[in-house]
């Protein structure tokens, strides 16, 4: 059965974003468990008109690294009984025992209620040695008591990545690949930097703060470039891989499914975990702005380069909007307008 969508209005909306230079180009899709509608307006790079956006254009998905890598890695540890979300980290992790972070739980980190500092440039804070950064992040004082407030910070994903590696004895990229990407056939999802061939098919983002060179196949995030594999950012992917991922999350397998994306973990993640605190949060997922979690059930996650995903088990539908907004600007307001309108159209009937 075809999707009941106003496809023309979606195309007009995303195309107008190209014309208004909100982003050079976009790859978008709305789908359910079997069907998908795709659009690919604009160019990968305005200065190279021979490179149009395609359905398999590679994107630096930035903060979606949390959903594609950290979220399934933590889910696999929970499903295997190696991690209990409400146990204080200091009770089983010697690196944070006796430290402020030792009173924090994995649930606090997943809901952005841990009270950890907001992340600034890690090199400016701790230097360029990865071990010094790790020590600094894990030993830093918290700003609030755990559970006191919802305050988004990329540092939560960084800590959870360290935690997953500590408990599993594997690096985060291996955990994500074996626990989600490989079982779901996500063959073009990986951490950067990309090979020269893959980078040539990648939508470029901003410029390196030091060299001024356009970033293409190398993570936009300076801390992710420094650390390599980490929970903050650094994953690159393509629309077909994201579609496979979101289709599975809509209906996670009860048997022989990818580790870390089982039905219990997905159901728990797509449920408000923050009580009366605002803004409401699930486990890394958050209700889409302007929606009622109880009535709409549309969940979202965004990346700073201009990427976003939405899903709703109630609607039986998912949506993806991939752009390289950072090519023009890091300003958020124009893209926020496009995202909100896109979400509204994607989850309404045509």
Protein backbone atom coordinates (compact mmCIF):
# COMPACT_ATOMS: atom_id res chain seq x y z
CA UNK A 1 0.00 0.00 0.00
CA UNK A 2 1.36 3.43 -0.98
CA UNK A 3 2.14 6.01 1.68
CA UNK A 4 -0.66 8.51 2.29
CA UNK A 5 1.38 11.72 1.95
CA UNK A 6 1.20 15.13 0.34
CA UNK A 7 4.41 14.46 -1.57
CA UNK A 8 4.19 17.62 -3.66
CA UNK A 9 4.15 19.84 -0.55
CA UNK A 10 7.15 17.99 0.90
CA UNK A 11 9.09 18.43 -2.34
CA UNK A 12 8.21 22.12 -2.48
CA UNK A 13 9.30 22.64 1.13
CA UNK A 14 12.70 20.96 0.80
CA UNK A 15 13.33 22.44 -2.65
CA UNK A 16 12.66 25.93 -1.29
CA UNK A 17 15.37 25.33 1.33
CA UNK A 18 17.84 24.84 -1.54
CA UNK A 19 16.70 27.98 -3.34
CA UNK A 20 16.89 30.01 -0.10
CA UNK A 21 20.42 28.68 0.56
CA UNK A 22 19.47 27.08 3.84
CA UNK A 23 21.56 24.18 2.54
CA UNK A 24 23.23 23.37 -0.81
CA UNK A 25 21.19 20.20 -1.23
CA UNK A 26 19.24 17.56 0.61
CA UNK A 27 18.33 13.90 0.61
CA UNK A 28 14.99 13.18 2.23
CA UNK A 29 12.73 10.20 2.65
CA UNK A 30 9.50 9.21 4.35
CA UNK A 31 8.73 5.55 4.78
CA UNK A 32 7.07 2.78 6.69
CA UNK A 33 8.06 -0.85 7.10
CA UNK A 34 7.85 -1.61 3.37
CA UNK A 35 7.51 1.61 1.35
CA UNK A 36 9.61 4.73 0.92
CA UNK A 37 9.37 8.04 -0.95
CA UNK A 38 12.67 9.84 -1.71
CA UNK A 39 13.75 13.29 -2.86
CA UNK A 40 17.25 14.54 -3.75
CA UNK A 41 17.16 18.27 -4.59
CA UNK A 42 20.21 20.48 -4.98
CA UNK A 43 23.94 19.90 -5.16
CA UNK A 44 26.54 18.41 -2.88
CA UNK A 45 28.69 21.50 -3.42
CA UNK A 46 27.53 24.70 -5.19
CA UNK A 47 30.98 25.36 -6.59
CA UNK A 48 30.92 21.95 -8.32
CA UNK A 49 27.63 21.86 -10.28
CA UNK A 50 28.40 18.44 -11.71
CA UNK A 51 27.76 16.81 -8.32
CA UNK A 52 24.02 16.60 -7.67
CA UNK A 53 22.64 15.07 -4.49
CA UNK A 54 21.80 11.38 -4.91
CA UNK A 55 20.03 8.82 -2.77
CA UNK A 56 23.41 7.30 -1.86
CA UNK A 57 25.25 10.56 -1.10
CA UNK A 58 27.34 10.10 2.04
CA UNK A 59 26.66 12.45 4.97
CA UNK A 60 28.53 13.39 8.10
CA UNK A 61 25.56 12.84 10.43
CA UNK A 62 27.24 14.51 13.44
CA UNK A 63 25.05 14.12 16.54
CA UNK A 64 23.13 11.21 15.00
CA UNK A 65 26.25 9.27 16.02
CA UNK A 66 24.55 9.05 19.42
CA UNK A 67 21.60 7.18 17.91
CA UNK A 68 23.53 5.05 15.41
CA UNK A 69 26.46 4.05 17.63
CA UNK A 70 26.05 4.85 21.34
CA UNK A 71 22.36 4.01 21.72
CA UNK A 72 22.58 0.42 20.36
CA UNK A 73 25.90 -0.14 22.17
CA UNK A 74 24.34 0.76 25.51
CA UNK A 75 21.22 -1.20 24.61
CA UNK A 76 23.28 -4.33 24.00
CA UNK A 77 24.89 -4.02 27.44
CA UNK A 78 21.47 -3.60 29.06
CA UNK A 79 20.02 -6.55 27.17
CA UNK A 80 22.98 -8.73 28.16
CA UNK A 81 22.62 -7.78 31.83
CA UNK A 82 26.04 -6.09 31.92
CA UNK A 83 24.61 -2.64 32.68
CA UNK A 84 21.77 -1.55 34.94
CA UNK A 85 20.54 1.90 34.02
CA UNK A 86 19.87 3.04 37.59
CA UNK A 87 23.11 1.85 39.20
CA UNK A 88 25.54 4.64 40.04
CA UNK A 89 28.61 4.51 37.82
CA UNK A 90 31.00 4.68 40.77
CA UNK A 91 29.70 1.35 42.06
CA UNK A 92 31.30 -0.58 39.19
CA UNK A 93 33.62 1.78 37.30
CA UNK A 94 36.85 2.50 39.13
CA UNK A 95 37.76 5.49 36.94
CA UNK A 96 34.84 7.49 38.37
CA UNK A 97 34.60 6.01 41.87
CA UNK A 98 34.84 8.80 44.42
CA UNK A 99 34.43 11.40 41.67
CA UNK A 100 31.34 13.56 41.04
CA UNK A 101 30.50 11.43 38.00
CA UNK A 102 30.39 8.38 40.26
CA UNK A 103 26.96 9.45 41.55
CA UNK A 104 25.53 9.60 38.03
CA UNK A 105 23.68 6.70 36.39
CA UNK A 106 23.49 5.65 32.74
CA UNK A 107 19.83 6.71 32.75
CA UNK A 108 20.86 10.22 33.82
CA UNK A 109 23.27 10.41 30.90
CA UNK A 110 20.76 9.05 28.38
CA UNK A 111 18.15 11.60 29.48
CA UNK A 112 20.56 14.55 29.79
CA UNK A 113 19.82 14.87 33.51
CA UNK A 114 23.32 14.00 34.78
CA UNK A 115 24.28 17.59 35.54
CA UNK A 116 27.57 17.27 33.67
CA UNK A 117 29.07 20.40 32.05
CA UNK A 118 28.11 21.43 28.57
CA UNK A 119 30.84 20.53 26.13
CA UNK A 120 33.13 23.14 24.68
CA UNK A 121 36.23 22.42 22.63
CA UNK A 122 37.84 19.52 24.47
CA UNK A 123 41.35 20.38 23.26
CA UNK A 124 41.03 23.84 24.81
CA UNK A 125 40.01 22.28 28.13
CA UNK A 126 42.29 19.29 28.39
CA UNK A 127 44.90 19.39 25.62
CA UNK A 128 45.21 17.11 22.62
CA UNK A 129 46.19 13.81 24.24
CA UNK A 130 43.18 11.43 24.17
CA UNK A 131 44.01 10.02 27.60
CA UNK A 132 44.19 13.51 29.11
CA UNK A 133 40.80 14.27 27.57
CA UNK A 134 39.35 11.05 28.99
CA UNK A 135 40.73 11.80 32.44
CA UNK A 136 39.46 15.36 32.32
CA UNK A 137 35.96 14.39 31.22
CA UNK A 138 35.58 11.55 33.72
CA UNK A 139 36.99 13.53 36.66
CA UNK A 140 35.26 16.87 35.99
CA UNK A 141 32.94 18.29 38.63
CA UNK A 142 29.22 18.22 37.87
CA UNK A 143 27.25 21.46 37.67
CA UNK A 144 24.05 20.11 39.24
CA UNK A 145 22.88 17.14 41.24
CA UNK A 146 21.87 14.19 39.05
CA UNK A 147 18.20 14.24 38.14
CA UNK A 148 17.73 17.93 38.94
CA UNK A 149 17.30 19.33 35.41
CA UNK A 150 17.30 18.42 31.72
CA UNK A 151 20.28 20.10 30.05
CA UNK A 152 21.48 18.79 26.72
CA UNK A 153 25.22 18.18 26.47
CA UNK A 154 27.31 16.14 24.04
CA UNK A 155 29.50 15.18 26.98
CA UNK A 156 26.83 12.65 28.05
CA UNK A 157 27.37 10.66 24.84
CA UNK A 158 31.13 10.86 25.24
CA UNK A 159 30.92 9.38 28.76
CA UNK A 160 28.52 6.66 27.61
CA UNK A 161 30.89 5.75 24.80
CA UNK A 162 33.72 5.39 27.31
CA UNK A 163 31.43 3.32 29.54
CA UNK A 164 30.40 0.97 26.73
CA UNK A 165 34.05 0.38 25.81
CA UNK A 166 34.95 -0.22 29.46
CA UNK A 167 32.21 -2.81 30.02
CA UNK A 168 32.63 -4.61 26.70
CA UNK A 169 36.37 -4.46 26.15
CA UNK A 170 35.71 -3.36 22.56
CA UNK A 171 35.91 -0.02 20.82
CA UNK A 172 32.68 1.82 20.11
CA UNK A 173 32.92 1.41 16.34
CA UNK A 174 33.24 -2.37 16.70
CA UNK A 175 30.32 -2.48 19.15
CA UNK A 176 28.10 -0.50 16.78
CA UNK A 177 29.13 -2.49 13.72
CA UNK A 178 28.63 -5.93 15.26
CA UNK A 179 25.55 -4.99 17.28
CA UNK A 180 23.59 -3.04 14.68
CA UNK A 181 25.23 -2.02 11.42
CA UNK A 182 26.30 -5.42 10.12
CA UNK A 183 23.14 -7.33 11.13
CA UNK A 184 20.97 -4.68 9.48
CA UNK A 185 23.02 -4.58 6.28
CA UNK A 186 24.27 -1.02 6.87
CA UNK A 187 27.35 -1.58 4.74
CA UNK A 188 28.16 2.11 4.16
CA UNK A 189 27.91 3.30 7.75
CA UNK A 190 31.23 3.88 9.48
CA UNK A 191 33.34 6.28 11.46
CA UNK A 192 35.52 8.72 9.55
CA UNK A 193 37.85 9.74 8.22
CA UNK A 194 36.66 8.14 5.00
CA UNK A 195 38.76 6.70 2.22
CA UNK A 196 39.40 8.95 -0.78
CA UNK A 197 36.79 7.09 -2.85
CA UNK A 198 34.11 7.36 -0.16
CA UNK A 199 34.96 10.99 0.58
CA UNK A 200 34.44 11.86 -3.10
CA UNK A 201 30.79 10.80 -2.68
CA UNK A 202 30.39 12.74 0.58
CA UNK A 203 28.52 16.03 0.97
CA UNK A 204 31.06 18.58 2.27
CA UNK A 205 30.28 20.54 5.43
CA UNK A 206 32.09 23.52 6.98
CA UNK A 207 35.75 24.49 7.02
CA UNK A 208 38.50 23.38 9.33
CA UNK A 209 39.02 26.07 11.97
CA UNK A 210 42.80 25.84 11.61
CA UNK A 211 43.50 25.14 7.94
CA UNK A 212 40.37 26.65 6.40
CA UNK A 213 40.00 23.59 4.18
CA UNK A 214 36.52 22.35 3.32
CA UNK A 215 35.70 19.21 5.33
CA UNK A 216 34.68 16.28 3.15
CA UNK A 217 34.86 12.77 4.55
CA UNK A 218 36.35 14.13 7.77
CA UNK A 219 34.19 14.83 10.82
CA UNK A 220 33.02 18.43 11.16
CA UNK A 221 33.39 18.23 14.94
CA UNK A 222 36.91 19.17 16.06
CA UNK A 223 36.76 16.97 19.17
CA UNK A 224 35.59 13.99 17.11
CA UNK A 225 38.43 14.58 14.65
CA UNK A 226 40.86 14.59 17.55
CA UNK A 227 39.49 11.48 19.29
CA UNK A 228 38.61 9.45 16.20
CA UNK A 229 36.00 6.99 17.45
CA UNK A 230 33.86 8.55 20.18
CA UNK A 231 30.26 9.07 21.23
CA UNK A 232 30.00 12.74 20.27
CA UNK A 233 30.11 12.60 16.46
CA UNK A 234 32.13 11.13 13.62
CA UNK A 235 29.78 8.63 11.93
CA UNK A 236 29.08 8.84 8.20
CA UNK A 237 26.15 7.10 6.51
CA UNK A 238 23.76 7.06 3.56
CA UNK A 239 19.98 7.14 3.28
CA UNK A 240 19.51 3.40 2.50
CA UNK A 241 21.38 2.48 5.69
CA UNK A 242 19.32 4.90 7.78
CA UNK A 243 16.15 3.48 6.26
CA UNK A 244 17.17 -0.04 7.28
CA UNK A 245 17.94 1.16 10.80
CA UNK A 246 14.66 3.04 11.27
CA UNK A 247 12.56 0.26 9.79
CA UNK A 248 14.01 -2.10 12.34
CA UNK A 249 13.39 0.32 15.21
CA UNK A 250 9.74 0.57 14.13
CA UNK A 251 9.40 -3.19 14.46
CA UNK A 252 12.39 -4.66 16.34
CA UNK A 253 12.84 -8.39 15.94
CA UNK A 254 11.87 -10.50 18.92
CA UNK A 255 14.20 -13.30 17.91
CA UNK A 256 17.59 -13.15 16.23
CA UNK A 257 17.45 -9.37 15.96
CA UNK A 258 20.48 -7.12 16.21
CA UNK A 259 21.90 -6.99 19.71
CA UNK A 260 21.11 -3.65 21.35
CA UNK A 261 17.96 -2.95 19.31
CA UNK A 262 15.54 -5.42 20.84
CA UNK A 263 11.88 -4.59 21.47
CA UNK A 264 12.25 -3.97 25.21
CA UNK A 265 15.11 -1.50 24.71
CA UNK A 266 13.31 0.35 21.91
CA UNK A 267 10.03 0.53 23.85
CA UNK A 268 11.79 1.89 26.93
CA UNK A 269 13.75 4.42 24.89
CA UNK A 270 10.66 5.81 23.17
CA UNK A 271 8.95 6.62 26.46
CA UNK A 272 9.23 9.74 28.61
CA UNK A 273 11.89 9.09 31.25
CA UNK A 274 12.15 12.53 32.83
CA UNK A 275 8.90 12.79 34.78
CA UNK A 276 7.75 16.39 35.20
CA UNK A 277 11.08 17.88 34.09
CA UNK A 278 11.15 19.87 30.88
CA UNK A 279 11.98 19.41 28.12
CA UNK A 280 10.80 15.80 28.16
CA UNK A 281 13.26 13.13 27.13
CA UNK A 282 13.31 9.42 26.36
CA UNK A 283 16.60 7.53 26.21
CA UNK A 284 18.57 9.74 23.79
CA UNK A 285 15.41 10.19 21.70
CA UNK A 286 13.21 13.21 22.39
CA UNK A 287 9.64 14.10 21.43
CA UNK A 288 9.62 16.09 18.21
CA UNK A 289 9.20 19.83 18.95
CA UNK A 290 5.59 20.91 18.75
CA UNK A 291 4.19 17.43 19.32
CA UNK A 292 2.45 15.83 22.28
CA UNK A 293 4.30 12.60 23.18
CA UNK A 294 1.13 10.94 24.43
CA UNK A 295 -1.00 11.94 21.44
CA UNK A 296 1.51 12.07 18.57
CA UNK A 297 4.31 9.76 19.59
CA UNK A 298 6.76 11.29 17.08
CA UNK A 299 10.35 11.00 18.30
CA UNK A 300 13.34 12.85 16.89
CA UNK A 301 17.09 13.27 16.95
CA UNK A 302 19.21 15.82 15.10
CA UNK A 303 22.79 16.33 13.98
CA UNK A 304 24.57 19.68 13.99
CA UNK A 305 25.63 19.47 10.35
CA UNK A 306 21.96 19.63 9.31
CA UNK A 307 20.74 16.04 9.62
CA UNK A 308 17.63 14.71 11.33
CA UNK A 309 15.57 11.56 11.82
CA UNK A 310 12.05 11.04 13.12
CA UNK A 311 10.00 7.94 13.86
CA UNK A 312 6.61 7.05 15.27
CA UNK A 313 5.64 3.47 16.09
CA UNK A 314 2.06 4.72 16.49
CA UNK A 315 2.01 6.08 12.94
CA UNK A 316 4.10 3.15 11.71
CA UNK A 317 6.25 5.69 9.90
CA UNK A 318 9.76 7.16 9.86
CA UNK A 319 11.36 10.14 8.14
CA UNK A 320 14.86 11.36 7.29
CA UNK A 321 16.15 14.78 6.23
CA UNK A 322 19.85 14.90 5.39
CA UNK A 323 21.45 18.23 4.51
CA UNK A 324 24.90 19.77 4.64
CA UNK A 325 23.64 23.00 6.21
CA UNK A 326 27.10 23.68 7.68
CA UNK A 327 28.38 24.38 4.17
CA UNK A 328 26.71 27.82 4.38
CA UNK A 329 26.26 28.54 8.07
CA UNK A 330 25.96 27.04 11.53
CA UNK A 331 22.90 29.17 12.22
CA UNK A 332 20.00 26.99 13.29
CA UNK A 333 16.83 29.01 12.76
CA UNK A 334 16.28 28.60 8.98
CA UNK A 335 16.80 24.84 9.13
CA UNK A 336 14.62 24.57 12.24
CA UNK A 337 11.72 25.99 10.24
CA UNK A 338 12.28 23.44 7.45
CA UNK A 339 12.64 20.56 9.91
CA UNK A 340 9.44 21.38 11.79
CA UNK A 341 7.42 21.76 8.60
CA UNK A 342 8.93 18.58 7.14
CA UNK A 343 8.06 16.59 10.28
CA UNK A 344 4.51 17.92 10.22
CA UNK A 345 4.01 16.89 6.59
CA UNK A 346 5.75 13.53 7.01
CA UNK A 347 3.45 12.43 9.82
CA UNK A 348 0.16 13.80 8.52
CA UNK A 349 -2.08 12.27 5.90
CA UNK A 350 -2.04 13.61 2.37
